[in-house]
Every structure is written in C-alpha cells, then in structure tokens.
Amino acid sequence: MSEQLIVNVTDLGVASITLNRPEKGNAFSSETIQALIGALHSIQENPSVRCLVLRGKGKHFSAGADLNWMKSMAKCSYKDNLADAEQLALLMSTLDELPIPTIAAVQGCAFGGALGLICCCDIVIAEPLSIACFSEVKLGLVPATIAPYAIRAIGARAARRYMLSAEKISAQTSLELGLYHQICDINEQKQVLVQLINSVLANSPNAIRDTKALIRQCTTAIDPSLIHQTAAVIANARVSVQGQHGLNAFFDKVPPDWSATVDEP
C-alpha cells in the first residue's frame, strides 16, 4: 500500500487507514486521494472486514490539501481540474457508501477536504483541542465536493455560517452541530474506539449494511449527477480569476484583494 497511508486489518475484521504524512500535517495530494480510493475498494471487497477506523498520524488529522498539489492544479486547465476534482468527489462517495461502519478519530486540525472525510464517516470522535474549518472561500475556492456530505451532517443553516465565514470551529461547537459525536482526551481515544468497535462487532453485518443503505435513502439523495456537478463547481473555481488570485495571495502570504478581482457572472 502507498507510503502515504498505513493500512491494517486485524483478525477480528477491524480495518484501519492512517494518513501517514505527519511532516505535512497529513495534507493530501492527488496521490493520497488515489491511495485512499484504492484502500477503500480493497476493504469493501474483503468480506472479513466488519469496521473501518480512519485517522491521521501525528499532531493533526489532516490540514486539507497539500500546497504543492494546489500550486500545480492552479496552473492546469479546466479539463484537468475537472478530472482531478472528480477523483476527490469519488473518494467522498466511496467512503460514504462503504457498507461497513466507519469511525473517524480526530486530533489537531481537520480543514477543507479532510472535513469532508469526517462528514462521510458514520461515527466521529475528537480530542478537545481539535479544530475544524471549511477554509475554501478564504482561497477563492468552493467547498464543492464535500458540500453534500457536510450539509447532510450539520444541516444547511449551520453550513451557511461556517462555509461562508470560514471560521475555525471548536470541538465543542462541532459536537453541538452534530459534526462530532463524542469528545475525549487523546489518551482516552483508544479505549473509546475499543468500546465503539465492540458495539459494532456485536451486531449483524447484514443488518448494518441494510441500515446504512436505508439511512442514505431516507436523507437527501447524493446521486452521480450531483457528484459531477460539485466537481465542476470546484474545477471552475480553481481556474477563475478570483480563484487564481486567492491561491496566489495564499502562496505569496499576502491578504487577497477581492475588490480588484471580478469574474464575469
């Protein structure tokens, strides 16, 4: 498996995927996305796997997009950005539709696309000092591919505030929004995970699979056309005047001047 990930499956059928770029805050690139998709497909095809734990190695769950990846995509065409965004959208839908219970264990930062991964998981536990953020609009971008899952997780009203303001969201606020299910100290996470995993393993795998499918059917449908639409939105934002300006300002470490950049409607 890719060195960007640590993938393990126990004898009890508990799979774990650990983002393994601690020196980069577990920021992900196109390679990370491809590795995650591949790992999820392997887990889905393994009938012995009963549960998945997703986490990040080191101080942070994930800081979001890798800066070098962002720089490279900012120079690419709309067509290339669309293809790239559709892979991120595929990652989100693959995790969301995994028929086994998924648990995210969060510490440190969970920004941008990483927050989308959390919203796609069934259960989320986090340490008290963890920080979440829909950071895209600060860069002139749109939280497009993660939006369907995030809005389903926290509701449209909360999404309006936190996606439009790009405020940092504390663990306590995330708990109140329903983004997190439980807050526990980092040294307690292992015990909490064991309890959750044991609860899951005590239940019928077929019933869990059917219940997950039913929950998706009872909530807003996230169909292929919507997934493609979200990819198109972020691809367009990346190549837009304001998207280019925001990314360049971020890389140059200067405040963006939005008044000087106007895209045609």
Protein backbone atom coordinates (compact mmCIF):
# COMPACT_ATOMS: atom_id res chain seq x y z
CA MET A 1 0.00 0.00 0.00
CA SER A 2 1.16 3.57 -0.62
CA GLU A 3 3.59 5.04 1.90
CA GLN A 4 1.13 7.93 2.22
CA LEU A 5 -1.17 5.57 4.10
CA ILE A 6 -0.83 2.90 6.76
CA VAL A 7 -3.49 0.24 6.20
CA ASN A 8 -4.11 -2.63 8.59
CA VAL A 9 -6.77 -5.31 9.11
CA THR A 10 -6.97 -7.22 12.40
CA ASP A 11 -8.02 -10.83 12.86
CA LEU A 12 -11.36 -9.52 14.17
CA GLY A 13 -12.03 -7.76 10.88
CA VAL A 14 -11.28 -4.22 12.03
CA ALA A 15 -9.59 -2.22 9.28
CA SER A 16 -7.70 0.99 9.89
CA ILE A 17 -6.46 3.61 7.47
CA THR A 18 -3.97 6.11 8.87
CA LEU A 19 -2.97 9.19 6.88
CA ASN A 20 0.82 8.98 7.01
CA ARG A 21 2.26 12.39 6.15
CA PRO A 22 2.73 13.86 9.65
CA GLU A 23 5.51 16.19 8.46
CA LYS A 24 2.93 17.80 6.13
CA GLY A 25 0.08 17.78 8.63
CA ASN A 26 -1.31 14.79 6.70
CA ALA A 27 -2.25 17.13 3.87
CA PHE A 28 -3.38 15.17 0.85
CA SER A 29 -2.49 15.33 -2.82
CA SER A 30 -3.79 13.53 -5.89
CA GLU A 31 -1.56 10.59 -4.91
CA THR A 32 -3.12 10.47 -1.45
CA ILE A 33 -6.60 10.56 -2.94
CA GLN A 34 -5.81 7.69 -5.30
CA ALA A 35 -4.28 5.68 -2.46
CA LEU A 36 -7.36 6.26 -0.29
CA ILE A 37 -9.73 5.21 -3.07
CA GLY A 38 -7.69 2.07 -3.64
CA ALA A 39 -7.59 1.24 0.07
CA LEU A 40 -11.34 1.72 0.42
CA HIS A 41 -12.03 -0.51 -2.58
CA SER A 42 -9.79 -3.23 -1.12
CA ILE A 43 -11.61 -3.01 2.20
CA GLN A 44 -15.00 -3.12 0.51
CA GLU A 45 -14.00 -6.23 -1.43
CA ASN A 46 -12.78 -8.02 1.71
CA PRO A 47 -15.77 -9.88 3.22
CA SER A 48 -13.97 -10.37 6.53
CA VAL A 49 -13.80 -6.63 7.28
CA ARG A 50 -16.51 -5.52 9.69
CA CYS A 51 -15.49 -1.97 10.57
CA LEU A 52 -13.13 0.83 9.47
CA VAL A 53 -11.24 3.36 11.60
CA LEU A 54 -9.87 6.45 9.82
CA ARG A 55 -7.25 8.65 11.49
CA GLY A 56 -4.14 10.73 10.95
CA LYS A 57 -0.64 10.13 12.25
CA GLY A 58 0.97 12.80 14.41
CA LYS A 59 -0.46 16.10 15.62
CA HIS A 60 -3.22 16.53 13.03
CA PHE A 61 -5.97 14.52 11.41
CA SER A 62 -5.35 16.42 8.17
CA ALA A 63 -4.64 20.02 7.22
CA GLY A 64 -6.52 19.55 3.94
CA ALA A 65 -4.96 19.99 0.52
CA ASP A 66 -1.20 19.77 0.01
CA LEU A 67 0.29 23.13 -1.01
CA ASN A 68 2.37 21.69 -3.85
CA TRP A 69 -0.72 19.95 -5.22
CA MET A 70 -2.68 23.22 -5.02
CA LYS A 71 0.10 25.07 -6.84
CA SER A 72 0.26 22.50 -9.62
CA MET A 73 -3.51 22.41 -10.13
CA ALA A 74 -3.72 26.21 -10.17
CA LYS A 75 -1.65 26.12 -13.38
CA CYS A 76 -3.77 23.44 -15.05
CA SER A 77 -6.69 23.75 -17.45
CA TYR A 78 -10.35 23.48 -16.53
CA LYS A 79 -10.43 19.99 -18.06
CA ASP A 80 -7.53 18.82 -15.89
CA ASN A 81 -9.04 20.41 -12.80
CA LEU A 82 -12.38 18.75 -13.50
CA ALA A 83 -10.75 15.33 -13.77
CA ASP A 84 -8.83 15.98 -10.56
CA ALA A 85 -11.92 17.20 -8.70
CA GLU A 86 -13.91 14.18 -9.83
CA GLN A 87 -11.34 11.94 -8.13
CA LEU A 88 -11.84 13.83 -4.87
CA ALA A 89 -15.60 13.51 -5.35
CA LEU A 90 -15.15 9.77 -5.98
CA LEU A 91 -13.19 9.46 -2.74
CA MET A 92 -16.00 11.09 -0.78
CA SER A 93 -18.74 8.96 -2.34
CA THR A 94 -16.71 5.76 -1.92
CA LEU A 95 -16.19 6.40 1.80
CA ASP A 96 -19.80 7.50 2.26
CA GLU A 97 -21.19 4.38 0.56
CA LEU A 98 -18.92 1.88 2.29
CA PRO A 99 -21.33 -0.77 3.64
CA ILE A 100 -19.49 -1.23 6.95
CA PRO A 101 -19.45 1.19 9.91
CA THR A 102 -16.78 3.88 9.61
CA ILE A 103 -15.26 5.71 12.57
CA ALA A 104 -13.09 8.83 12.34
CA ALA A 105 -10.71 9.62 15.21
CA VAL A 106 -9.77 13.30 15.03
CA GLN A 107 -6.96 15.27 16.60
CA GLY A 108 -5.50 18.67 15.76
CA CYS A 109 -6.68 20.23 12.50
CA ALA A 110 -9.32 18.94 10.10
CA PHE A 111 -9.52 21.50 7.30
CA GLY A 112 -11.14 21.60 3.86
CA GLY A 113 -11.37 18.24 2.17
CA ALA A 114 -10.33 16.47 5.36
CA LEU A 115 -13.50 17.77 6.95
CA GLY A 116 -15.38 16.14 4.09
CA LEU A 117 -13.89 12.77 5.00
CA ILE A 118 -15.13 13.24 8.56
CA CYS A 119 -18.62 14.09 7.33
CA CYS A 120 -18.66 10.87 5.29
CA CYS A 121 -17.92 8.73 8.36
CA ASP A 122 -20.69 7.19 10.46
CA ILE A 123 -19.17 7.97 13.85
CA VAL A 124 -16.69 10.71 14.78
CA ILE A 125 -14.72 11.10 18.00
CA ALA A 126 -12.35 14.01 18.56
CA GLU A 127 -9.94 15.35 21.13
CA PRO A 128 -10.96 18.57 22.96
CA LEU A 129 -8.49 20.89 21.22
CA SER A 130 -9.25 19.75 17.68
CA ILE A 131 -10.20 22.44 15.18
CA ALA A 132 -12.36 22.06 12.07
CA CYS A 133 -12.67 24.57 9.25
CA PHE A 134 -14.34 24.90 5.86
CA SER A 135 -11.41 27.01 4.66
CA GLU A 136 -12.01 27.06 0.90
CA VAL A 137 -13.58 30.51 0.45
CA LYS A 138 -10.52 32.16 2.00
CA LEU A 139 -8.65 30.99 -1.10
CA GLY A 140 -11.33 31.97 -3.58
CA LEU A 141 -12.42 28.34 -3.85
CA VAL A 142 -15.64 26.47 -3.08
CA PRO A 143 -16.17 23.53 -0.67
CA ALA A 144 -17.97 21.83 -3.52
CA THR A 145 -17.18 18.12 -3.46
CA ILE A 146 -17.62 17.93 0.31
CA ALA A 147 -20.75 20.10 0.46
CA PRO A 148 -23.40 17.36 0.03
CA TYR A 149 -21.94 15.34 2.90
CA ALA A 150 -21.23 18.33 5.13
CA ILE A 151 -24.71 19.77 4.68
CA ARG A 152 -26.20 16.39 5.47
CA ALA A 153 -24.03 16.18 8.60
CA ILE A 154 -24.61 19.64 10.10
CA GLY A 155 -27.62 21.00 8.20
CA ALA A 156 -27.93 23.80 5.67
CA ARG A 157 -28.32 26.52 8.30
CA ALA A 158 -25.03 25.74 10.05
CA ALA A 159 -23.34 25.18 6.69
CA ARG A 160 -24.30 28.70 5.62
CA ARG A 161 -22.47 30.19 8.58
CA TYR A 162 -19.34 28.07 8.62
CA MET A 163 -18.83 27.63 4.88
CA LEU A 164 -19.33 31.34 4.18
CA SER A 165 -17.31 32.65 7.13
CA ALA A 166 -14.53 30.03 7.07
CA GLU A 167 -14.43 30.35 10.85
CA LYS A 168 -12.45 27.82 12.82
CA ILE A 169 -14.87 25.51 14.62
CA SER A 170 -14.00 24.29 18.11
CA ALA A 171 -14.51 20.71 19.20
CA GLN A 172 -17.36 21.74 21.49
CA THR A 173 -19.15 23.60 18.69
CA SER A 174 -18.58 20.65 16.36
CA LEU A 175 -20.19 18.41 18.96
CA GLU A 176 -23.20 20.74 19.21
CA LEU A 177 -23.53 20.87 15.41
CA GLY A 178 -23.53 17.09 15.15
CA LEU A 179 -20.24 17.03 13.25
CA TYR A 180 -18.66 15.11 16.15
CA HIS A 181 -20.41 12.51 18.28
CA GLN A 182 -18.04 12.43 21.25
CA ILE A 183 -15.12 14.42 22.64
CA CYS A 184 -12.42 12.56 24.53
CA ASP A 185 -8.82 13.22 25.53
CA ILE A 186 -6.26 11.87 23.12
CA ASN A 187 -5.07 9.32 25.69
CA GLU A 188 -8.66 8.07 26.04
CA GLN A 189 -9.28 7.65 22.30
CA LYS A 190 -8.03 4.07 22.19
CA GLN A 191 -10.42 3.00 24.96
CA VAL A 192 -13.35 4.81 23.33
CA LEU A 193 -12.51 3.24 19.97
CA VAL A 194 -12.41 -0.23 21.50
CA GLN A 195 -15.84 0.33 23.06
CA LEU A 196 -17.32 1.56 19.78
CA ILE A 197 -15.76 -1.26 17.78
CA ASN A 198 -17.02 -3.88 20.23
CA SER A 199 -20.52 -2.40 19.97
CA VAL A 200 -20.38 -2.62 16.18
CA LEU A 201 -18.97 -6.15 16.12
CA ALA A 202 -21.79 -7.34 18.36
CA ASN A 203 -24.32 -6.56 15.62
CA SER A 204 -25.41 -8.33 12.44
CA PRO A 205 -23.20 -7.35 9.46
CA ASN A 206 -26.10 -7.73 7.04
CA ALA A 207 -28.40 -5.65 9.21
CA ILE A 208 -25.75 -2.94 9.49
CA ARG A 209 -25.28 -2.92 5.72
CA ASP A 210 -29.00 -2.62 5.09
CA THR A 211 -29.41 0.02 7.80
CA LYS A 212 -26.67 2.18 6.28
CA ALA A 213 -28.33 1.89 2.87
CA LEU A 214 -31.69 2.81 4.38
CA ILE A 215 -30.27 5.87 6.13
CA ARG A 216 -28.88 7.13 2.83
CA GLN A 217 -32.24 6.56 1.14
CA CYS A 218 -34.06 8.46 3.88
CA THR A 219 -31.81 11.52 3.57
CA THR A 220 -31.07 13.81 0.64
CA ALA A 221 -30.01 11.76 -2.35
CA ILE A 222 -26.38 12.22 -3.39
CA ASP A 223 -26.52 10.81 -6.91
CA PRO A 224 -23.86 10.73 -9.67
CA SER A 225 -25.20 13.88 -11.33
CA LEU A 226 -24.82 15.85 -8.09
CA ILE A 227 -21.33 14.43 -7.54
CA HIS A 228 -20.32 15.51 -11.08
CA GLN A 229 -21.87 18.94 -10.51
CA THR A 230 -19.82 19.52 -7.35
CA ALA A 231 -16.63 18.56 -9.20
CA ALA A 232 -17.47 21.03 -11.96
CA VAL A 233 -18.04 23.82 -9.43
CA ILE A 234 -14.65 23.41 -7.77
CA ALA A 235 -12.87 22.99 -11.12
CA ASN A 236 -14.40 26.25 -12.32
CA ALA A 237 -13.43 27.99 -9.08
CA ARG A 238 -9.81 26.87 -9.40
CA VAL A 239 -9.38 28.41 -12.86
CA SER A 240 -11.48 31.53 -12.17
CA VAL A 241 -9.94 35.00 -11.73
CA GLN A 242 -10.73 35.10 -8.03
CA GLY A 243 -9.65 31.51 -7.51
CA GLN A 244 -6.29 32.22 -9.13
CA HIS A 245 -5.92 35.46 -7.16
CA GLY A 246 -6.80 33.79 -3.86
CA LEU A 247 -4.38 30.93 -4.37
CA ASN A 248 -1.57 33.24 -5.45
CA ALA A 249 -2.16 35.50 -2.45
CA PHE A 250 -2.07 32.48 -0.17
CA PHE A 251 1.20 31.23 -1.64
CA ASP A 252 2.70 34.76 -1.53
CA LYS A 253 1.49 35.12 2.08
CA VAL A 254 -0.32 38.40 1.44
CA PRO A 255 -4.00 39.27 2.04
CA PRO A 256 -6.15 38.84 -1.09
CA ASP A 257 -7.71 41.98 -2.54
CA TRP A 258 -11.11 40.74 -3.62
CA SER A 259 -12.23 44.22 -4.76
CA ALA A 260 -9.60 44.14 -7.50
CA THR A 261 -10.69 40.80 -8.92
CA VAL A 262 -14.05 40.43 -10.58
CA ASP A 263 -15.18 37.38 -12.52
CA GLU A 264 -17.77 37.69 -15.24
CA PRO A 265 -21.18 36.45 -13.99
